[in-house]
Amino acid sequence: MHSSGDLLADRRYGYAEASFQESDWEAAADLARQALDLAPGFAAAWFLLGRAREAQLRTEPDGPDAAARRVEAVQAFENARALDPEDRQGAGARLAMLGIGDPMAAISPGYVRALFDDYAIRFDRHLVRSLRYRAPELIHEAVRRAASLRLRPFRFEAALDLGCGTGLAAELFRPVCDTLAGIDLSPAMLERARSKRLYDDLAEGDLLPWLAARPAASVDLVLAADVFVYLGDLGPVFAETARVLRPGGLFAFTVQAHPGEGVILGDDLRYAHGEAYLRALAAEDGLALPLLEDVSTREDRGEPVPGRLAVLAR
């Protein structure tokens, strides 16, 4: 549990969390405020207050107190973010959902790192068994088909795994890659990936600087399995990937999908990218598009999440 350092404030916060879990939004907000009276610098309590007011806005959008609740939610999320500059709870994304700030910059690296550090210990089992996650398998088969269409061997001298997580993609691609390097924001995920001994190199950090530091035309396969759901603007990543790919190299990735134009930040705090947006980026960077398909890489509450699978070629 989050701690303020004040036992009474922490107790009030615990009650607020329990009320929130029981969908008693008003009690959760009141208890969070009580915690903040005792510990005004308690970022988690500010965030919980924002969540409670946000939940009330969602369930009663036209209620008589909607305007006041929105003001309190915005202020609470802004306070939470100010007290935690890394924004590990995702207050920026919550503000974007309320129409505050740039949605394309709403998800912070700190939020993604904290999310997956907490998730790492149960990641593989929960994804595969509970969410029916299959992005690595779909990408593996798609790369095989794209290689055949491009009349090139299904073998790669140097490959990169963007947002490699625990190494689920590496388990499939290691046999066809002479060298394989991975990058991820989460040290806990990297620890589990390292234990599998599948990568020649693993790095912790943001994928864009890591890509930018690599020599031009130095790899012939780049993978990104369900990584771009946390990136709004894919332009810089596409440009750097096109730069590091050798002629004949492949770039395979999945995204969440939506039927409209451009990019949207969904209620699940993940980005969804439109088909025309992906095609435009590929053309802009001089990449062919031998394969673009509608797929679902996972389920949410038993329902397939709409997605897309693409393989681009240099």
C-alpha atoms as a PDB file:
ATOM      1  CA  MET A   1       0.000   0.000   0.000  1.00  0.00           C
ATOM      2  CA  HIS A   2       1.106   3.585  -0.578  1.00  0.00           C
ATOM      3  CA  SER A   3       2.302   5.351   2.566  1.00  0.00           C
ATOM      4  CA  SER A   4       2.369   8.999   3.563  1.00  0.00           C
ATOM      5  CA  GLY A   5       4.526   8.402   6.617  1.00  0.00           C
ATOM      6  CA  ASP A   6       1.557   9.296   8.837  1.00  0.00           C
ATOM      7  CA  LEU A   7      -0.174   6.262  10.340  1.00  0.00           C
ATOM      8  CA  LEU A   8      -3.589   7.936  10.659  1.00  0.00           C
ATOM      9  CA  ALA A   9      -3.453   9.288   7.101  1.00  0.00           C
ATOM     10  CA  ASP A  10      -2.478   5.861   5.810  1.00  0.00           C
ATOM     11  CA  ARG A  11      -5.411   4.317   7.655  1.00  0.00           C
ATOM     12  CA  ARG A  12      -7.836   6.817   6.134  1.00  0.00           C
ATOM     13  CA  TYR A  13      -6.315   6.118   2.725  1.00  0.00           C
ATOM     14  CA  GLY A  14      -6.810   2.376   3.202  1.00  0.00           C
ATOM     15  CA  TYR A  15     -10.487   2.972   4.015  1.00  0.00           C
ATOM     16  CA  ALA A  16     -10.749   5.196   0.941  1.00  0.00           C
ATOM     17  CA  GLU A  17      -9.273   2.467  -1.261  1.00  0.00           C
ATOM     18  CA  ALA A  18     -11.727  -0.084   0.131  1.00  0.00           C
ATOM     19  CA  SER A  19     -14.639   2.256  -0.518  1.00  0.00           C
ATOM     20  CA  PHE A  20     -13.431   2.851  -4.059  1.00  0.00           C
ATOM     21  CA  GLN A  21     -13.235  -0.903  -4.700  1.00  0.00           C
ATOM     22  CA  GLU A  22     -16.842  -1.172  -3.493  1.00  0.00           C
ATOM     23  CA  SER A  23     -17.868   1.623  -5.928  1.00  0.00           C
ATOM     24  CA  ASP A  24     -18.803   3.937  -3.066  1.00  0.00           C
ATOM     25  CA  TRP A  25     -17.310   6.967  -4.793  1.00  0.00           C
ATOM     26  CA  GLU A  26     -18.574   9.596  -2.355  1.00  0.00           C
ATOM     27  CA  ALA A  27     -17.154   7.760   0.665  1.00  0.00           C
ATOM     28  CA  ALA A  28     -13.866   7.224  -1.157  1.00  0.00           C
ATOM     29  CA  ALA A  29     -13.611  10.944  -1.937  1.00  0.00           C
ATOM     30  CA  ASP A  30     -14.470  11.944   1.628  1.00  0.00           C
ATOM     31  CA  LEU A  31     -11.934   9.520   3.149  1.00  0.00           C
ATOM     32  CA  ALA A  32      -9.239  10.583   0.690  1.00  0.00           C
ATOM     33  CA  ARG A  33      -9.813  14.200   1.740  1.00  0.00           C
ATOM     34  CA  GLN A  34      -9.522  13.150   5.394  1.00  0.00           C
ATOM     35  CA  ALA A  35      -6.155  11.548   4.596  1.00  0.00           C
ATOM     36  CA  LEU A  36      -5.059  14.734   2.848  1.00  0.00           C
ATOM     37  CA  ASP A  37      -6.061  16.871   5.828  1.00  0.00           C
ATOM     38  CA  LEU A  38      -3.488  14.877   7.795  1.00  0.00           C
ATOM     39  CA  ALA A  39      -0.888  14.574   5.004  1.00  0.00           C
ATOM     40  CA  PRO A  40      -1.318  17.252   2.290  1.00  0.00           C
ATOM     41  CA  GLY A  41       1.686  15.955   0.359  1.00  0.00           C
ATOM     42  CA  PHE A  42       0.262  12.434  -0.019  1.00  0.00           C
ATOM     43  CA  ALA A  43       0.317  11.992  -3.814  1.00  0.00           C
ATOM     44  CA  ALA A  44      -1.547   8.665  -3.796  1.00  0.00           C
ATOM     45  CA  ALA A  45      -4.449  10.184  -1.838  1.00  0.00           C
ATOM     46  CA  TRP A  46      -4.721  13.057  -4.312  1.00  0.00           C
ATOM     47  CA  PHE A  47      -4.789  10.529  -7.136  1.00  0.00           C
ATOM     48  CA  LEU A  48      -7.461   8.448  -5.412  1.00  0.00           C
ATOM     49  CA  LEU A  49      -9.559  11.558  -4.830  1.00  0.00           C
ATOM     50  CA  GLY A  50      -9.306  12.302  -8.548  1.00  0.00           C
ATOM     51  CA  ARG A  51     -10.274   8.732  -9.428  1.00  0.00           C
ATOM     52  CA  ALA A  52     -13.321   8.879  -7.151  1.00  0.00           C
ATOM     53  CA  ARG A  53     -14.548  12.126  -8.682  1.00  0.00           C
ATOM     54  CA  GLU A  54     -13.775  10.819 -12.178  1.00  0.00           C
ATOM     55  CA  ALA A  55     -15.861   7.711 -11.465  1.00  0.00           C
ATOM     56  CA  GLN A  56     -18.769   9.864 -10.332  1.00  0.00           C
ATOM     57  CA  LEU A  57     -18.522  11.921 -13.521  1.00  0.00           C
ATOM     58  CA  ARG A  58     -18.595   8.742 -15.566  1.00  0.00           C
ATOM     59  CA  THR A  59     -21.655   7.310 -13.798  1.00  0.00           C
ATOM     60  CA  GLU A  60     -23.529  10.640 -13.463  1.00  0.00           C
ATOM     61  CA  PRO A  61     -22.229  12.888 -16.269  1.00  0.00           C
ATOM     62  CA  ASP A  62     -25.222  15.228 -16.096  1.00  0.00           C
ATOM     63  CA  GLY A  63     -25.658  15.256 -12.327  1.00  0.00           C
ATOM     64  CA  PRO A  64     -26.168  18.559 -10.473  1.00  0.00           C
ATOM     65  CA  ASP A  65     -22.662  18.371  -8.977  1.00  0.00           C
ATOM     66  CA  ALA A  66     -20.893  17.318 -12.191  1.00  0.00           C
ATOM     67  CA  ALA A  67     -19.133  20.653 -12.777  1.00  0.00           C
ATOM     68  CA  ALA A  68     -17.796  20.845  -9.212  1.00  0.00           C
ATOM     69  CA  ARG A  69     -16.692  17.210  -9.310  1.00  0.00           C
ATOM     70  CA  ARG A  70     -14.814  17.792 -12.552  1.00  0.00           C
ATOM     71  CA  VAL A  71     -12.998  20.786 -11.062  1.00  0.00           C
ATOM     72  CA  GLU A  72     -12.028  18.723  -8.013  1.00  0.00           C
ATOM     73  CA  ALA A  73     -10.899  15.792 -10.158  1.00  0.00           C
ATOM     74  CA  VAL A  74      -8.680  18.015 -12.310  1.00  0.00           C
ATOM     75  CA  GLN A  75      -7.159  19.710  -9.261  1.00  0.00           C
ATOM     76  CA  ALA A  76      -6.565  16.381  -7.540  1.00  0.00           C
ATOM     77  CA  PHE A  77      -4.804  14.860 -10.559  1.00  0.00           C
ATOM     78  CA  GLU A  78      -2.723  18.008 -11.053  1.00  0.00           C
ATOM     79  CA  ASN A  79      -1.657  17.877  -7.398  1.00  0.00           C
ATOM     80  CA  ALA A  80      -0.804  14.171  -7.696  1.00  0.00           C
ATOM     81  CA  ARG A  81       1.356  14.836 -10.737  1.00  0.00           C
ATOM     82  CA  ALA A  82       3.080  17.835  -9.120  1.00  0.00           C
ATOM     83  CA  LEU A  83       3.963  15.727  -6.074  1.00  0.00           C
ATOM     84  CA  ASP A  84       5.273  12.876  -8.244  1.00  0.00           C
ATOM     85  CA  PRO A  85       7.106  14.366 -11.261  1.00  0.00           C
ATOM     86  CA  GLU A  86       7.621  10.887 -12.753  1.00  0.00           C
ATOM     87  CA  ASP A  87       3.828  10.507 -12.743  1.00  0.00           C
ATOM     88  CA  ARG A  88       4.015   6.860 -11.758  1.00  0.00           C
ATOM     89  CA  GLN A  89       0.258   6.632 -11.155  1.00  0.00           C
ATOM     90  CA  GLY A  90      -0.744   8.054 -14.527  1.00  0.00           C
ATOM     91  CA  ALA A  91      -2.315  11.350 -13.482  1.00  0.00           C
ATOM     92  CA  GLY A  92      -1.339  12.894 -16.824  1.00  0.00           C
ATOM     93  CA  ALA A  93      -3.335  10.277 -18.707  1.00  0.00           C
ATOM     94  CA  ARG A  94      -6.325  10.827 -16.414  1.00  0.00           C
ATOM     95  CA  LEU A  95      -6.119  14.564 -17.051  1.00  0.00           C
ATOM     96  CA  ALA A  96      -6.017  13.930 -20.794  1.00  0.00           C
ATOM     97  CA  MET A  97      -9.215  11.917 -20.500  1.00  0.00           C
ATOM     98  CA  LEU A  98     -10.745  15.005 -18.863  1.00  0.00           C
ATOM     99  CA  GLY A  99      -9.578  17.179 -21.762  1.00  0.00           C
ATOM    100  CA  ILE A 100      -6.511  18.676 -20.033  1.00  0.00           C
ATOM    101  CA  GLY A 101      -3.135  18.655 -21.794  1.00  0.00           C
ATOM    102  CA  ASP A 102      -1.820  16.912 -24.896  1.00  0.00           C
ATOM    103  CA  PRO A 103      -3.195  13.357 -25.147  1.00  0.00           C
ATOM    104  CA  MET A 104      -0.209  12.291 -27.265  1.00  0.00           C
ATOM    105  CA  ALA A 105       2.175  13.091 -24.401  1.00  0.00           C
ATOM    106  CA  ALA A 106      -0.113  11.963 -21.583  1.00  0.00           C
ATOM    107  CA  ILE A 107       1.462   8.595 -20.755  1.00  0.00           C
ATOM    108  CA  SER A 108       4.773   9.076 -18.974  1.00  0.00           C
ATOM    109  CA  PRO A 109       7.706   6.631 -18.957  1.00  0.00           C
ATOM    110  CA  GLY A 110       7.412   6.625 -15.168  1.00  0.00           C
ATOM    111  CA  TYR A 111       3.838   5.344 -15.391  1.00  0.00           C
ATOM    112  CA  VAL A 112       4.780   2.548 -17.802  1.00  0.00           C
ATOM    113  CA  ARG A 113       7.808   1.577 -15.691  1.00  0.00           C
ATOM    114  CA  ALA A 114       5.776   1.425 -12.474  1.00  0.00           C
ATOM    115  CA  LEU A 115       2.967  -0.475 -14.182  1.00  0.00           C
ATOM    116  CA  PHE A 116       5.238  -3.230 -15.440  1.00  0.00           C
ATOM    117  CA  ASP A 117       7.527  -3.375 -12.420  1.00  0.00           C
ATOM    118  CA  ASP A 118       4.419  -4.240 -10.422  1.00  0.00           C
ATOM    119  CA  TYR A 119       3.189  -6.641 -13.117  1.00  0.00           C
ATOM    120  CA  ALA A 120       6.453  -8.484 -13.812  1.00  0.00           C
ATOM    121  CA  ILE A 121       6.155 -11.344 -11.342  1.00  0.00           C
ATOM    122  CA  ARG A 122       2.832 -12.544 -12.808  1.00  0.00           C
ATOM    123  CA  PHE A 123       3.215 -11.132 -16.316  1.00  0.00           C
ATOM    124  CA  ASP A 124       3.726 -14.263 -18.429  1.00  0.00           C
ATOM    125  CA  ARG A 125       1.073 -16.379 -16.710  1.00  0.00           C
ATOM    126  CA  HIS A 126      -1.553 -13.612 -16.513  1.00  0.00           C
ATOM    127  CA  LEU A 127      -1.107 -12.523 -20.127  1.00  0.00           C
ATOM    128  CA  VAL A 128      -1.138 -15.959 -21.658  1.00  0.00           C
ATOM    129  CA  ARG A 129      -3.668 -17.709 -19.424  1.00  0.00           C
ATOM    130  CA  SER A 130      -6.031 -14.926 -18.384  1.00  0.00           C
ATOM    131  CA  LEU A 131      -5.866 -12.461 -21.286  1.00  0.00           C
ATOM    132  CA  ARG A 132      -5.207 -15.011 -24.071  1.00  0.00           C
ATOM    133  CA  TYR A 133      -2.229 -12.929 -25.154  1.00  0.00           C
ATOM    134  CA  ARG A 134      -0.737 -14.048 -28.458  1.00  0.00           C
ATOM    135  CA  ALA A 135       1.070 -11.094 -30.009  1.00  0.00           C
ATOM    136  CA  PRO A 136       4.474 -12.874 -30.217  1.00  0.00           C
ATOM    137  CA  GLU A 137       2.943 -15.869 -32.002  1.00  0.00           C
ATOM    138  CA  LEU A 138       1.040 -13.644 -34.432  1.00  0.00           C
ATOM    139  CA  ILE A 139       4.145 -11.567 -35.177  1.00  0.00           C
ATOM    140  CA  HIS A 140       6.308 -14.666 -35.636  1.00  0.00           C
ATOM    141  CA  GLU A 141       3.947 -16.123 -38.218  1.00  0.00           C
ATOM    142  CA  ALA A 142       3.513 -12.742 -39.926  1.00  0.00           C
ATOM    143  CA  VAL A 143       7.269 -12.240 -40.256  1.00  0.00           C
ATOM    144  CA  ARG A 144       7.552 -15.720 -41.745  1.00  0.00           C
ATOM    145  CA  ARG A 145       4.897 -14.869 -44.335  1.00  0.00           C
ATOM    146  CA  ALA A 146       6.377 -11.449 -45.077  1.00  0.00           C
ATOM    147  CA  ALA A 147       9.829 -12.954 -45.560  1.00  0.00           C
ATOM    148  CA  SER A 148       8.337 -15.379 -48.074  1.00  0.00           C
ATOM    149  CA  LEU A 149       6.540 -12.562 -49.911  1.00  0.00           C
ATOM    150  CA  ARG A 150       9.783 -10.549 -50.055  1.00  0.00           C
ATOM    151  CA  LEU A 151      11.710 -13.634 -51.276  1.00  0.00           C
ATOM    152  CA  ARG A 152      14.147 -13.463 -48.379  1.00  0.00           C
ATOM    153  CA  PRO A 153      15.174 -16.175 -45.884  1.00  0.00           C
ATOM    154  CA  PHE A 154      13.412 -16.441 -42.545  1.00  0.00           C
ATOM    155  CA  ARG A 155      16.753 -15.816 -40.872  1.00  0.00           C
ATOM    156  CA  PHE A 156      18.131 -12.582 -39.417  1.00  0.00           C
ATOM    157  CA  GLU A 157      21.687 -11.578 -38.664  1.00  0.00           C
ATOM    158  CA  ALA A 158      20.783  -8.838 -36.146  1.00  0.00           C
ATOM    159  CA  ALA A 159      17.414  -8.217 -34.493  1.00  0.00           C
ATOM    160  CA  LEU A 160      16.029  -5.691 -32.001  1.00  0.00           C
ATOM    161  CA  ASP A 161      13.117  -6.255 -29.611  1.00  0.00           C
ATOM    162  CA  LEU A 162      11.504  -2.936 -28.606  1.00  0.00           C
ATOM    163  CA  GLY A 163       9.761  -3.065 -25.235  1.00  0.00           C
ATOM    164  CA  CYS A 164      10.974  -6.628 -24.838  1.00  0.00           C
ATOM    165  CA  GLY A 165       9.292  -7.235 -21.474  1.00  0.00           C
ATOM    166  CA  THR A 166      10.044 -10.679 -20.083  1.00  0.00           C
ATOM    167  CA  GLY A 167      11.215 -12.010 -23.449  1.00  0.00           C
ATOM    168  CA  LEU A 168       8.068 -13.691 -24.786  1.00  0.00           C
ATOM    169  CA  ALA A 169       8.919 -12.681 -28.359  1.00  0.00           C
ATOM    170  CA  ALA A 170      12.530 -13.795 -27.911  1.00  0.00           C
ATOM    171  CA  GLU A 171      11.368 -17.288 -27.025  1.00  0.00           C
ATOM    172  CA  LEU A 172      10.078 -17.594 -30.606  1.00  0.00           C
ATOM    173  CA  PHE A 173      12.577 -15.490 -32.540  1.00  0.00           C
ATOM    174  CA  ARG A 174      15.857 -16.519 -30.902  1.00  0.00           C
ATOM    175  CA  PRO A 175      16.268 -19.623 -33.129  1.00  0.00           C
ATOM    176  CA  VAL A 176      16.173 -17.489 -36.303  1.00  0.00           C
ATOM    177  CA  CYS A 177      18.339 -14.579 -35.093  1.00  0.00           C
ATOM    178  CA  ASP A 178      22.128 -14.623 -34.945  1.00  0.00           C
ATOM    179  CA  THR A 179      22.065 -11.750 -32.440  1.00  0.00           C
ATOM    180  CA  LEU A 180      19.117 -10.361 -30.514  1.00  0.00           C
ATOM    181  CA  ALA A 181      19.069  -7.193 -28.382  1.00  0.00           C
ATOM    182  CA  GLY A 182      16.210  -5.916 -26.231  1.00  0.00           C
ATOM    183  CA  ILE A 183      15.184  -2.651 -24.547  1.00  0.00           C
ATOM    184  CA  ASP A 184      12.554  -2.062 -21.855  1.00  0.00           C
ATOM    185  CA  LEU A 185      11.654   0.620 -19.309  1.00  0.00           C
ATOM    186  CA  SER A 186      11.008  -1.836 -16.474  1.00  0.00           C
ATOM    187  CA  PRO A 187      13.965  -3.258 -14.527  1.00  0.00           C
ATOM    188  CA  ALA A 188      11.736  -5.974 -13.050  1.00  0.00           C
ATOM    189  CA  MET A 189      10.690  -7.143 -16.525  1.00  0.00           C
ATOM    190  CA  LEU A 190      14.303  -7.073 -17.685  1.00  0.00           C
ATOM    191  CA  GLU A 191      15.347  -9.206 -14.731  1.00  0.00           C
ATOM    192  CA  ARG A 192      12.949 -11.914 -15.852  1.00  0.00           C
ATOM    193  CA  ALA A 193      14.054 -11.560 -19.486  1.00  0.00           C
ATOM    194  CA  ARG A 194      17.696 -11.856 -18.424  1.00  0.00           C
ATOM    195  CA  SER A 195      16.980 -15.098 -16.571  1.00  0.00           C
ATOM    196  CA  LYS A 196      15.833 -16.718 -19.824  1.00  0.00           C
ATOM    197  CA  ARG A 197      19.291 -16.179 -21.417  1.00  0.00           C
ATOM    198  CA  LEU A 198      17.798 -15.430 -24.835  1.00  0.00           C
ATOM    199  CA  TYR A 199      19.287 -11.987 -25.520  1.00  0.00           C
ATOM    200  CA  ASP A 200      22.816 -11.010 -26.449  1.00  0.00           C
ATOM    201  CA  ASP A 201      22.212  -7.584 -24.950  1.00  0.00           C
ATOM    202  CA  LEU A 202      19.527  -6.039 -22.737  1.00  0.00           C
ATOM    203  CA  ALA A 203      19.173  -2.351 -21.929  1.00  0.00           C
ATOM    204  CA  GLU A 204      16.937  -0.402 -19.554  1.00  0.00           C
ATOM    205  CA  GLY A 205      15.495   2.845 -20.828  1.00  0.00           C
ATOM    206  CA  ASP A 206      13.404   4.619 -23.435  1.00  0.00           C
ATOM    207  CA  LEU A 207      13.420   2.885 -26.801  1.00  0.00           C
ATOM    208  CA  LEU A 208      13.802   6.052 -28.912  1.00  0.00           C
ATOM    209  CA  PRO A 209      17.255   7.184 -27.622  1.00  0.00           C
ATOM    210  CA  TRP A 210      18.390   3.551 -27.728  1.00  0.00           C
ATOM    211  CA  LEU A 211      17.385   3.290 -31.377  1.00  0.00           C
ATOM    212  CA  ALA A 212      18.908   6.684 -32.203  1.00  0.00           C
ATOM    213  CA  ALA A 213      22.278   5.584 -30.795  1.00  0.00           C
ATOM    214  CA  ARG A 214      22.514   2.583 -33.129  1.00  0.00           C
ATOM    215  CA  PRO A 215      24.365   2.771 -36.468  1.00  0.00           C
ATOM    216  CA  ALA A 216      22.394   3.226 -39.666  1.00  0.00           C
ATOM    217  CA  ALA A 217      21.594   0.074 -41.650  1.00  0.00           C
ATOM    218  CA  SER A 218      22.793  -2.167 -38.803  1.00  0.00           C
ATOM    219  CA  VAL A 219      19.878  -4.589 -38.247  1.00  0.00           C
ATOM    220  CA  ASP A 220      17.554  -6.639 -40.393  1.00  0.00           C
ATOM    221  CA  LEU A 221      14.643  -7.222 -37.999  1.00  0.00           C
ATOM    222  CA  VAL A 222      12.866  -4.923 -35.509  1.00  0.00           C
ATOM    223  CA  LEU A 223      10.050  -6.249 -33.321  1.00  0.00           C
ATOM    224  CA  ALA A 224       7.509  -4.355 -31.204  1.00  0.00           C
ATOM    225  CA  ALA A 225       4.867  -6.596 -29.625  1.00  0.00           C
ATOM    226  CA  ASP A 226       2.102  -4.511 -28.018  1.00  0.00           C
ATOM    227  CA  VAL A 227       4.552  -1.709 -27.189  1.00  0.00           C
ATOM    228  CA  PHE A 228       2.947   1.095 -29.171  1.00  0.00           C
ATOM    229  CA  VAL A 229      -0.201   1.048 -27.022  1.00  0.00           C
ATOM    230  CA  TYR A 230       1.823   3.301 -24.683  1.00  0.00           C
ATOM    231  CA  LEU A 231       3.105   5.633 -27.432  1.00  0.00           C
ATOM    232  CA  GLY A 232       0.860   8.141 -29.143  1.00  0.00           C
ATOM    233  CA  ASP A 233       3.092   9.658 -31.808  1.00  0.00           C
ATOM    234  CA  LEU A 234       4.843   6.816 -33.639  1.00  0.00           C
ATOM    235  CA  GLY A 235       6.568   9.106 -36.144  1.00  0.00           C
ATOM    236  CA  PRO A 236       9.973   9.323 -34.399  1.00  0.00           C
ATOM    237  CA  VAL A 237      10.110   5.560 -33.759  1.00  0.00           C
ATOM    238  CA  PHE A 238       9.220   4.758 -37.365  1.00  0.00           C
ATOM    239  CA  ALA A 239      11.859   7.181 -38.634  1.00  0.00           C
ATOM    240  CA  GLU A 240      14.613   5.713 -36.430  1.00  0.00           C
ATOM    241  CA  THR A 241      13.576   2.172 -37.267  1.00  0.00           C
ATOM    242  CA  ALA A 242      13.720   2.939 -40.987  1.00  0.00           C
ATOM    243  CA  ARG A 243      17.206   4.398 -40.453  1.00  0.00           C
ATOM    244  CA  VAL A 244      18.628   1.367 -38.619  1.00  0.00           C
ATOM    245  CA  LEU A 245      17.099  -1.231 -40.966  1.00  0.00           C
ATOM    246  CA  ARG A 246      19.254  -2.685 -43.710  1.00  0.00           C
ATOM    247  CA  PRO A 247      17.829  -2.992 -47.215  1.00  0.00           C
ATOM    248  CA  GLY A 248      15.508  -5.978 -47.103  1.00  0.00           C
ATOM    249  CA  GLY A 249      15.036  -5.628 -43.353  1.00  0.00           C
ATOM    250  CA  LEU A 250      11.628  -6.091 -41.685  1.00  0.00           C
ATOM    251  CA  PHE A 251       9.789  -4.132 -38.993  1.00  0.00           C
ATOM    252  CA  ALA A 252       6.972  -6.093 -37.323  1.00  0.00           C
ATOM    253  CA  PHE A 253       4.605  -4.708 -34.696  1.00  0.00           C
ATOM    254  CA  THR A 254       1.122  -4.748 -33.220  1.00  0.00           C
ATOM    255  CA  VAL A 255      -1.113  -1.847 -32.178  1.00  0.00           C
ATOM    256  CA  GLN A 256      -4.568  -1.429 -30.741  1.00  0.00           C
ATOM    257  CA  ALA A 257      -6.967  -0.342 -33.450  1.00  0.00           C
ATOM    258  CA  HIS A 258      -9.866   2.024 -33.872  1.00  0.00           C
ATOM    259  CA  PRO A 259     -11.977   2.578 -36.992  1.00  0.00           C
ATOM    260  CA  GLY A 260     -11.328   6.302 -37.335  1.00  0.00           C
ATOM    261  CA  GLU A 261      -8.429   8.527 -38.339  1.00  0.00           C
ATOM    262  CA  GLY A 262      -5.240   9.295 -36.469  1.00  0.00           C
ATOM    263  CA  VAL A 263      -4.530   8.279 -32.884  1.00  0.00           C
ATOM    264  CA  ILE A 264      -6.814   8.203 -29.846  1.00  0.00           C
ATOM    265  CA  LEU A 265      -6.219   7.650 -26.129  1.00  0.00           C
ATOM    266  CA  GLY A 266      -8.821   5.140 -25.006  1.00  0.00           C
ATOM    267  CA  ASP A 267     -10.617   4.694 -21.693  1.00  0.00           C
ATOM    268  CA  ASP A 268      -8.177   1.860 -20.926  1.00  0.00           C
ATOM    269  CA  LEU A 269      -5.330   4.434 -20.990  1.00  0.00           C
ATOM    270  CA  ARG A 270      -3.840   2.851 -24.094  1.00  0.00           C
ATOM    271  CA  TYR A 271      -3.393   4.396 -27.517  1.00  0.00           C
ATOM    272  CA  ALA A 272      -5.201   3.077 -30.570  1.00  0.00           C
ATOM    273  CA  HIS A 273      -3.842   3.875 -34.049  1.00  0.00           C
ATOM    274  CA  GLY A 274      -5.864   4.191 -37.217  1.00  0.00           C
ATOM    275  CA  GLU A 275      -4.996   2.257 -40.375  1.00  0.00           C
ATOM    276  CA  ALA A 276      -4.512   5.379 -42.514  1.00  0.00           C
ATOM    277  CA  TYR A 277      -2.119   6.771 -39.887  1.00  0.00           C
ATOM    278  CA  LEU A 278       0.094   3.658 -40.084  1.00  0.00           C
ATOM    279  CA  ARG A 279       0.072   3.636 -43.874  1.00  0.00           C
ATOM    280  CA  ALA A 280       1.019   7.323 -44.005  1.00  0.00           C
ATOM    281  CA  LEU A 281       3.970   6.847 -41.636  1.00  0.00           C
ATOM    282  CA  ALA A 282       5.249   3.874 -43.612  1.00  0.00           C
ATOM    283  CA  ALA A 283       5.112   5.844 -46.874  1.00  0.00           C
ATOM    284  CA  GLU A 284       6.754   8.871 -45.262  1.00  0.00           C
ATOM    285  CA  ASP A 285       9.750   6.777 -44.194  1.00  0.00           C
ATOM    286  CA  GLY A 286      10.058   4.894 -47.470  1.00  0.00           C
ATOM    287  CA  LEU A 287       8.901   1.579 -46.032  1.00  0.00           C
ATOM    288  CA  ALA A 288       6.906  -0.944 -48.025  1.00  0.00           C
ATOM    289  CA  LEU A 289       3.890  -2.542 -46.353  1.00  0.00           C
ATOM    290  CA  PRO A 290       3.698  -6.189 -47.389  1.00  0.00           C
ATOM    291  CA  LEU A 291       1.357  -7.094 -44.539  1.00  0.00           C
ATOM    292  CA  LEU A 292      -1.287  -5.219 -42.546  1.00  0.00           C
ATOM    293  CA  GLU A 293      -4.071  -7.208 -40.893  1.00  0.00           C
ATOM    294  CA  ASP A 294      -6.809  -6.777 -38.313  1.00  0.00           C
ATOM    295  CA  VAL A 295      -6.069  -9.032 -35.340  1.00  0.00           C
ATOM    296  CA  SER A 296      -6.689  -9.267 -31.622  1.00  0.00           C
ATOM    297  CA  THR A 297      -3.642  -9.904 -29.469  1.00  0.00           C
ATOM    298  CA  ARG A 298      -5.483 -10.212 -26.132  1.00  0.00           C
ATOM    299  CA  GLU A 299      -8.859 -10.195 -24.423  1.00  0.00           C
ATOM    300  CA  ASP A 300     -10.406  -7.757 -21.962  1.00  0.00           C
ATOM    301  CA  ARG A 301     -13.175  -9.133 -19.750  1.00  0.00           C
ATOM    302  CA  GLY A 302     -13.461 -12.053 -22.138  1.00  0.00           C
ATOM    303  CA  GLU A 303     -13.864  -9.896 -25.245  1.00  0.00           C
ATOM    304  CA  PRO A 304     -11.229  -9.593 -28.013  1.00  0.00           C
ATOM    305  CA  VAL A 305      -9.483  -6.210 -28.051  1.00  0.00           C
ATOM    306  CA  PRO A 306      -9.392  -4.816 -31.624  1.00  0.00           C
ATOM    307  CA  GLY A 307      -5.870  -4.552 -32.971  1.00  0.00           C
ATOM    308  CA  ARG A 308      -3.663  -4.506 -36.041  1.00  0.00           C
ATOM    309  CA  LEU A 309      -0.578  -6.415 -37.040  1.00  0.00           C
ATOM    310  CA  ALA A 310       1.861  -4.954 -39.542  1.00  0.00           C
ATOM    311  CA  VAL A 311       5.111  -5.965 -41.170  1.00  0.00           C
ATOM    312  CA  LEU A 312       6.966  -3.163 -42.946  1.00  0.00           C
ATOM    313  CA  ALA A 313       9.963  -3.680 -45.230  1.00  0.00           C
ATOM    314  CA  ARG A 314      12.989  -1.554 -46.075  1.00  0.00           C
END
